Structure formats: C-alpha cells, structure tokens
C-alpha cells in the first residue's frame, strides 16, 4: 500500500447484517436459530436460508454438508451479537434458554449485560442489552468495559420479565460483530486508518471500534488466531459481514488512496480485511 494522505473519516451511520455463515446441516441450524434465539425464517432456497426480523435480515446460512466445526485458531467470526431493546427482553430470553437446558456464558461489560453460546457448528453468539449511554464511563479517551459477573437475581426479577419468550422483540438488531484476526497492528491500520472507524477501547490482544460514539460495532481479537490462516472450504466458517452506510463514495476514495484491493459494484464495495475476513459495505438507509 502507498502512504498518500487519506480523506477524513466518513462513516457517520452504520447498520450491521446479515452475517453470512457456512453450516454443516441447514435443517439443524435453522431449527436452532428459530427455537433457541427466536429468529424468524425470512427466506429459504435449497441450501441457503436467511433469518432475522421482518425487514431486517440478521443471519444468512449456507449449507456445506459434512463441514467440520469452526476452527477457533483461524480468522473469522468470534461472535455475532444480538442486541435486545430492554433488560426485561434479555431476562425473558435468559429464562427461555434456561428452560431449554442451555449452558450460557455471561458477563457484565459495564456498558452492557451479555450472555454467550454457540450454534451447532461452533459459531459464537452473544445476546445482550445495553445500559443507557449516560451510564457509560470513559477514561483516557476510551470506553471502560469489563467482564464482571451479572447480577442474575436482579435480572431475573426485572419488571416485565414474567412474560414468556416466544420470539425476538421488535427493535432487536445486530448490535455488533466480533471477529478473530491474525495481526492486531495490521487490523488497526485497516479499520481505523483506512475505513475510518473510531478506536473506542483496547484490551490485551483485542481492539474495539465504532462510529457515532457507540461502545463498539466491531470487536477484533487475536486471542486464539494470532498469525492464523483462514479455515479451508470444508469448514463451518464466516463467509461475509454486510455493513450498510449512508454513502460509500468517500469510503471508495479512502480505499483507493490507501492502495487497498476491493471491488465496487454499483452502491456496494467488496473488500477483505488483512486477516481475510470478507466485508460487504453497501449504501442504504442506515439507522
């Protein structure tokens, strides 16, 4: 890449999704995303299915029969994160997961309360709710985040949480996507230096970036994948993450100025990050 001066950051609005994944058995995966997470099946055609909320595709599945489970040492998806509108919504889902007998990881991140699980092929999933941004704390120009235990007693007795969970509530979004990468310095140069994301937090082996002051739209870590190569075709893996922004013209200019390799097709850019994670950046009514 050359070192020509880059235009100023231009992403002022961002919507994430869908996240596209390969899976070994489509029927099994569709059932999981419907029954466990409460997603709606939006479309299905042969070996492909898209799930989410009406008018909001969140996950696209591509069947590769016999595909091996996710390889954590390879770059790819660490987790996709479903953001629920309220704490009561999160409580209802947690109680639903408990009735199914699921074992969940959990963490109070100060900015959010989050629960973790994996789909049948090993793709990571987070289900979370945000605290109001007025409660977020910053230090040294970074958002403070942690991995503290959640107050489960308080969560499970949250007012309004006694309504049974049947499906994801209206207003659920793909709040963030966390990726495994191979080299953190190269990753920072790409996401912050080229695409123009703001760095909001740094952890050992991880970087969190966003736009519009959010605590993070993308997590990027090398915890297991430092120096790793993309998993082979016969593996369940991430194939693409779609990012929708209001305008891609300035992003096109930034990529060109940086000497990055990309493809533009109308109002859509196809580009890979330094670890090989594939991004589709498209123009649209981001919110």
Protein backbone atom coordinates (compact mmCIF):
# COMPACT_ATOMS: atom_id res chain seq x y z
CA UNK A 1 0.00 0.00 0.00
CA UNK A 2 1.10 3.56 -0.57
CA UNK A 3 1.02 6.31 2.02
CA UNK A 4 -1.00 9.03 0.30
CA UNK A 5 -2.95 11.29 2.68
CA UNK A 6 -6.37 9.82 3.46
CA UNK A 7 -9.61 11.78 3.43
CA UNK A 8 -11.24 12.35 6.81
CA UNK A 9 -13.45 9.59 8.33
CA UNK A 10 -16.83 9.45 6.66
CA UNK A 11 -18.88 6.72 8.37
CA UNK A 12 -21.45 8.58 10.42
CA UNK A 13 -24.14 5.90 10.42
CA UNK A 14 -23.91 2.13 10.36
CA UNK A 15 -26.21 -0.88 10.29
CA UNK A 16 -24.79 -4.39 10.58
CA UNK A 17 -26.06 -7.57 8.98
CA UNK A 18 -26.58 -10.04 7.75
CA UNK A 19 -23.66 -12.16 8.94
CA UNK A 20 -23.19 -15.00 6.47
CA UNK A 21 -22.05 -18.40 7.74
CA UNK A 22 -21.50 -21.86 6.35
CA UNK A 23 -23.10 -24.70 8.31
CA UNK A 24 -22.97 -28.47 8.01
CA UNK A 25 -26.72 -29.20 8.22
CA UNK A 26 -29.18 -26.48 7.27
CA UNK A 27 -32.28 -28.02 8.87
CA UNK A 28 -30.49 -28.32 12.21
CA UNK A 29 -29.17 -24.77 12.06
CA UNK A 30 -32.47 -23.20 11.02
CA UNK A 31 -34.21 -25.00 13.89
CA UNK A 32 -31.57 -23.72 16.33
CA UNK A 33 -31.83 -20.09 15.26
CA UNK A 34 -35.63 -20.24 15.34
CA UNK A 35 -36.15 -22.22 18.55
CA UNK A 36 -33.24 -21.04 20.68
CA UNK A 37 -32.86 -17.44 19.53
CA UNK A 38 -36.36 -16.70 18.32
CA UNK A 39 -35.35 -15.54 14.84
CA UNK A 40 -37.90 -15.60 12.03
CA UNK A 41 -37.17 -17.57 8.87
CA UNK A 42 -37.29 -14.88 6.18
CA UNK A 43 -36.39 -16.99 3.16
CA UNK A 44 -35.14 -20.43 2.22
CA UNK A 45 -33.97 -21.69 -1.14
CA UNK A 46 -32.30 -25.07 -1.41
CA UNK A 47 -29.10 -24.94 0.62
CA UNK A 48 -29.49 -21.33 1.80
CA UNK A 49 -31.64 -19.66 4.43
CA UNK A 50 -31.92 -16.14 5.85
CA UNK A 51 -33.25 -15.40 9.32
CA UNK A 52 -33.90 -12.26 11.32
CA UNK A 53 -36.84 -9.97 11.92
CA UNK A 54 -39.24 -8.79 9.21
CA UNK A 55 -37.38 -6.31 7.01
CA UNK A 56 -34.17 -6.95 8.98
CA UNK A 57 -32.05 -9.96 7.88
CA UNK A 58 -29.53 -10.78 10.60
CA UNK A 59 -28.07 -14.19 9.74
CA UNK A 60 -27.66 -15.94 6.36
CA UNK A 61 -26.79 -19.63 6.39
CA UNK A 62 -25.17 -21.58 3.55
CA UNK A 63 -25.16 -25.35 3.83
CA UNK A 64 -21.93 -27.27 3.20
CA UNK A 65 -22.87 -30.88 4.03
CA UNK A 66 -20.31 -32.52 6.28
CA UNK A 67 -18.46 -29.28 7.02
CA UNK A 68 -16.12 -29.53 10.02
CA UNK A 69 -16.85 -27.41 13.11
CA UNK A 70 -15.48 -23.87 13.45
CA UNK A 71 -11.69 -23.68 13.85
CA UNK A 72 -11.01 -21.11 16.60
CA UNK A 73 -7.36 -20.67 15.60
CA UNK A 74 -8.37 -19.30 12.20
CA UNK A 75 -9.56 -15.76 11.49
CA UNK A 76 -13.33 -15.49 11.20
CA UNK A 77 -16.33 -14.97 13.43
CA UNK A 78 -15.73 -14.79 17.17
CA UNK A 79 -19.39 -14.00 17.76
CA UNK A 80 -22.35 -12.16 16.30
CA UNK A 81 -24.21 -10.12 18.89
CA UNK A 82 -27.99 -9.74 19.05
CA UNK A 83 -28.93 -6.52 20.83
CA UNK A 84 -32.29 -6.67 22.60
CA UNK A 85 -34.20 -3.43 23.26
CA UNK A 86 -34.65 -3.74 27.05
CA UNK A 87 -33.35 -5.51 30.14
CA UNK A 88 -36.73 -7.20 30.53
CA UNK A 89 -36.34 -8.61 26.99
CA UNK A 90 -32.96 -10.04 27.96
CA UNK A 91 -34.38 -11.54 31.14
CA UNK A 92 -37.18 -13.24 29.20
CA UNK A 93 -34.69 -14.74 26.75
CA UNK A 94 -32.40 -15.97 29.54
CA UNK A 95 -35.33 -17.70 31.21
CA UNK A 96 -36.24 -19.26 27.85
CA UNK A 97 -32.65 -20.53 27.45
CA UNK A 98 -32.77 -21.98 30.97
CA UNK A 99 -35.98 -23.87 30.17
CA UNK A 100 -34.18 -25.36 27.15
CA UNK A 101 -31.37 -26.51 29.44
CA UNK A 102 -28.71 -24.41 27.69
CA UNK A 103 -25.43 -23.57 29.36
CA UNK A 104 -24.57 -19.92 28.86
CA UNK A 105 -21.50 -17.81 29.44
CA UNK A 106 -22.20 -14.36 30.87
CA UNK A 107 -20.52 -11.03 31.59
CA UNK A 108 -21.40 -7.57 32.83
CA UNK A 109 -19.36 -5.35 30.50
CA UNK A 110 -20.33 -2.11 32.33
CA UNK A 111 -21.81 -0.79 29.08
CA UNK A 112 -23.96 -3.89 28.64
CA UNK A 113 -25.07 -7.23 30.09
CA UNK A 114 -24.31 -10.17 27.82
CA UNK A 115 -24.83 -13.92 27.55
CA UNK A 116 -22.89 -16.26 25.28
CA UNK A 117 -23.50 -19.54 23.50
CA UNK A 118 -22.57 -21.30 20.25
CA UNK A 119 -24.66 -22.68 17.42
CA UNK A 120 -24.42 -26.38 16.45
CA UNK A 121 -21.35 -25.75 14.25
CA UNK A 122 -19.48 -23.68 16.83
CA UNK A 123 -20.29 -20.17 15.58
CA UNK A 124 -20.26 -17.82 18.56
CA UNK A 125 -23.36 -15.85 19.54
CA UNK A 126 -23.92 -13.11 22.09
CA UNK A 127 -27.33 -11.96 23.30
CA UNK A 128 -27.20 -8.67 25.19
CA UNK A 129 -28.80 -5.44 26.29
CA UNK A 130 -27.13 -2.04 26.53
CA UNK A 131 -27.08 0.18 29.55
CA UNK A 132 -28.06 3.79 28.73
CA UNK A 133 -25.10 5.62 27.23
CA UNK A 134 -25.37 8.16 30.05
CA UNK A 135 -24.12 5.38 32.36
CA UNK A 136 -21.07 4.51 30.26
CA UNK A 137 -17.75 5.65 31.70
CA UNK A 138 -14.72 6.81 29.75
CA UNK A 139 -11.12 7.01 30.84
CA UNK A 140 -8.20 8.23 28.77
CA UNK A 141 -10.42 8.65 25.75
CA UNK A 142 -11.61 5.04 25.84
CA UNK A 143 -14.89 3.46 26.90
CA UNK A 144 -14.49 1.41 30.07
CA UNK A 145 -15.55 -2.21 29.60
CA UNK A 146 -15.08 -5.20 31.88
CA UNK A 147 -16.03 -8.85 32.30
CA UNK A 148 -17.75 -8.80 35.69
CA UNK A 149 -20.46 -11.22 36.84
CA UNK A 150 -24.05 -10.25 36.07
CA UNK A 151 -26.44 -9.66 38.97
CA UNK A 152 -28.70 -12.57 37.97
CA UNK A 153 -31.15 -12.11 40.83
CA UNK A 154 -31.80 -8.55 39.72
CA UNK A 155 -32.02 -9.55 36.06
CA UNK A 156 -34.48 -12.37 36.63
CA UNK A 157 -36.78 -10.17 38.71
CA UNK A 158 -36.66 -7.24 36.27
CA UNK A 159 -40.16 -5.72 35.98
CA UNK A 160 -41.96 -7.07 32.93
CA UNK A 161 -39.77 -10.17 32.66
CA UNK A 162 -42.58 -12.57 33.61
CA UNK A 163 -43.99 -12.59 30.06
CA UNK A 164 -42.94 -15.83 28.30
CA UNK A 165 -40.41 -15.52 25.48
CA UNK A 166 -41.78 -16.54 22.08
CA UNK A 167 -39.64 -14.65 19.59
CA UNK A 168 -37.16 -11.80 19.41
CA UNK A 169 -38.89 -8.49 20.13
CA UNK A 170 -39.31 -5.74 17.57
CA UNK A 171 -36.30 -3.47 17.70
CA UNK A 172 -33.76 -6.27 18.04
CA UNK A 173 -30.68 -5.52 15.94
CA UNK A 174 -27.26 -6.92 15.22
CA UNK A 175 -25.57 -4.68 17.76
CA UNK A 176 -22.00 -5.65 16.95
CA UNK A 177 -19.88 -8.30 15.30
CA UNK A 178 -16.70 -9.61 16.91
CA UNK A 179 -14.07 -11.03 14.55
CA UNK A 180 -10.97 -13.13 15.00
CA UNK A 181 -7.99 -11.60 13.21
CA UNK A 182 -4.36 -12.57 12.66
CA UNK A 183 -2.40 -9.37 13.34
CA UNK A 184 -3.70 -6.56 15.54
CA UNK A 185 -1.44 -3.81 14.16
CA UNK A 186 -2.48 -4.55 10.57
CA UNK A 187 -6.10 -4.77 11.69
CA UNK A 188 -5.95 -1.36 13.36
CA UNK A 189 -4.33 0.18 10.29
CA UNK A 190 -7.17 -1.14 8.13
CA UNK A 191 -10.26 -0.50 10.27
CA UNK A 192 -9.15 2.80 11.82
CA UNK A 193 -6.62 4.08 9.31
CA UNK A 194 -8.34 3.11 6.06
CA UNK A 195 -12.06 2.67 6.81
CA UNK A 196 -12.06 5.44 9.40
CA UNK A 197 -13.62 3.71 12.41
CA UNK A 198 -13.02 5.28 15.81
CA UNK A 199 -11.00 3.26 18.31
CA UNK A 200 -13.09 3.11 21.49
CA UNK A 201 -11.23 0.56 23.62
CA UNK A 202 -8.10 -1.56 23.69
CA UNK A 203 -7.64 -4.80 25.60
CA UNK A 204 -4.62 -7.11 25.52
CA UNK A 205 -4.87 -8.80 22.13
CA UNK A 206 -8.09 -7.00 21.18
CA UNK A 207 -9.35 -3.77 19.67
CA UNK A 208 -12.87 -2.33 19.69
CA UNK A 209 -14.02 0.18 17.06
CA UNK A 210 -17.23 2.04 16.30
CA UNK A 211 -18.89 5.07 14.77
CA UNK A 212 -21.23 7.67 16.27
CA UNK A 213 -19.90 7.12 19.80
CA UNK A 214 -21.19 3.57 20.27
CA UNK A 215 -19.24 1.35 22.66
CA UNK A 216 -18.31 -0.91 19.74
CA UNK A 217 -19.68 -2.01 16.41
CA UNK A 218 -16.73 -4.31 15.73
CA UNK A 219 -14.59 -6.30 18.12
CA UNK A 220 -11.29 -7.58 16.70
CA UNK A 221 -9.10 -10.03 18.58
CA UNK A 222 -6.07 -12.30 18.21
CA UNK A 223 -6.68 -14.30 21.41
CA UNK A 224 -6.65 -17.63 19.57
CA UNK A 225 -5.93 -16.64 15.99
CA UNK A 226 -2.62 -14.73 16.12
CA UNK A 227 -0.81 -15.50 12.85
CA UNK A 228 -3.59 -17.84 11.76
CA UNK A 229 -4.80 -18.52 8.23
CA UNK A 230 -8.38 -18.72 7.01
CA UNK A 231 -10.06 -22.07 7.59
CA UNK A 232 -10.38 -24.28 4.50
CA UNK A 233 -13.55 -24.58 2.41
CA UNK A 234 -14.72 -27.75 4.15
CA UNK A 235 -15.09 -25.94 7.47
CA UNK A 236 -18.02 -24.12 9.05
CA UNK A 237 -16.89 -20.51 8.84
CA UNK A 238 -17.73 -16.88 8.27
CA UNK A 239 -18.15 -16.01 4.62
CA UNK A 240 -19.15 -12.33 4.82
CA UNK A 241 -20.36 -9.50 7.04
CA UNK A 242 -22.52 -6.77 5.49
CA UNK A 243 -22.17 -3.18 6.70
CA UNK A 244 -24.73 -0.64 5.48
CA UNK A 245 -23.77 3.04 5.48
CA UNK A 246 -25.41 6.13 4.02
CA UNK A 247 -22.79 6.71 1.34
CA UNK A 248 -19.86 4.70 0.01
CA UNK A 249 -18.30 7.35 -2.21
CA UNK A 250 -15.86 8.61 0.40
CA UNK A 251 -15.04 5.06 1.52
CA UNK A 252 -14.22 4.26 -2.10
CA UNK A 253 -11.83 7.23 -2.06
CA UNK A 254 -10.20 6.10 1.19
CA UNK A 255 -9.65 2.57 -0.09
CA UNK A 256 -8.22 3.90 -3.33
CA UNK A 257 -5.90 6.34 -1.55
CA UNK A 258 -4.62 3.51 0.67
CA UNK A 259 -3.94 1.24 -2.28
CA UNK A 260 -6.36 -1.36 -0.93
CA UNK A 261 -7.71 -4.08 -3.18
CA UNK A 262 -11.50 -4.02 -3.49
CA UNK A 263 -14.33 -4.45 -5.96
CA UNK A 264 -17.06 -1.88 -6.49
CA UNK A 265 -20.39 -2.98 -7.94
CA UNK A 266 -22.76 -0.03 -8.05
CA UNK A 267 -23.52 1.06 -4.49
CA UNK A 268 -21.58 -1.84 -2.99
CA UNK A 269 -17.95 -2.43 -2.09
CA UNK A 270 -16.47 -5.89 -1.55
CA UNK A 271 -13.24 -5.87 0.45
CA UNK A 272 -11.31 -8.19 2.75
CA UNK A 273 -9.51 -7.13 5.91
CA UNK A 274 -5.83 -8.10 6.46
CA UNK A 275 -6.89 -11.42 8.04
CA UNK A 276 -9.07 -12.32 5.06
CA UNK A 277 -12.45 -11.58 6.65
CA UNK A 278 -14.78 -10.54 3.83
CA UNK A 279 -16.79 -7.33 4.21
CA UNK A 280 -19.59 -6.07 2.01
CA UNK A 281 -20.06 -2.32 2.51
CA UNK A 282 -23.21 -1.08 0.85
CA UNK A 283 -25.09 2.18 0.62
CA UNK A 284 -28.54 2.30 2.12
CA UNK A 285 -30.80 3.77 4.75
CA UNK A 286 -28.52 3.03 7.69
CA UNK A 287 -30.02 3.76 11.07
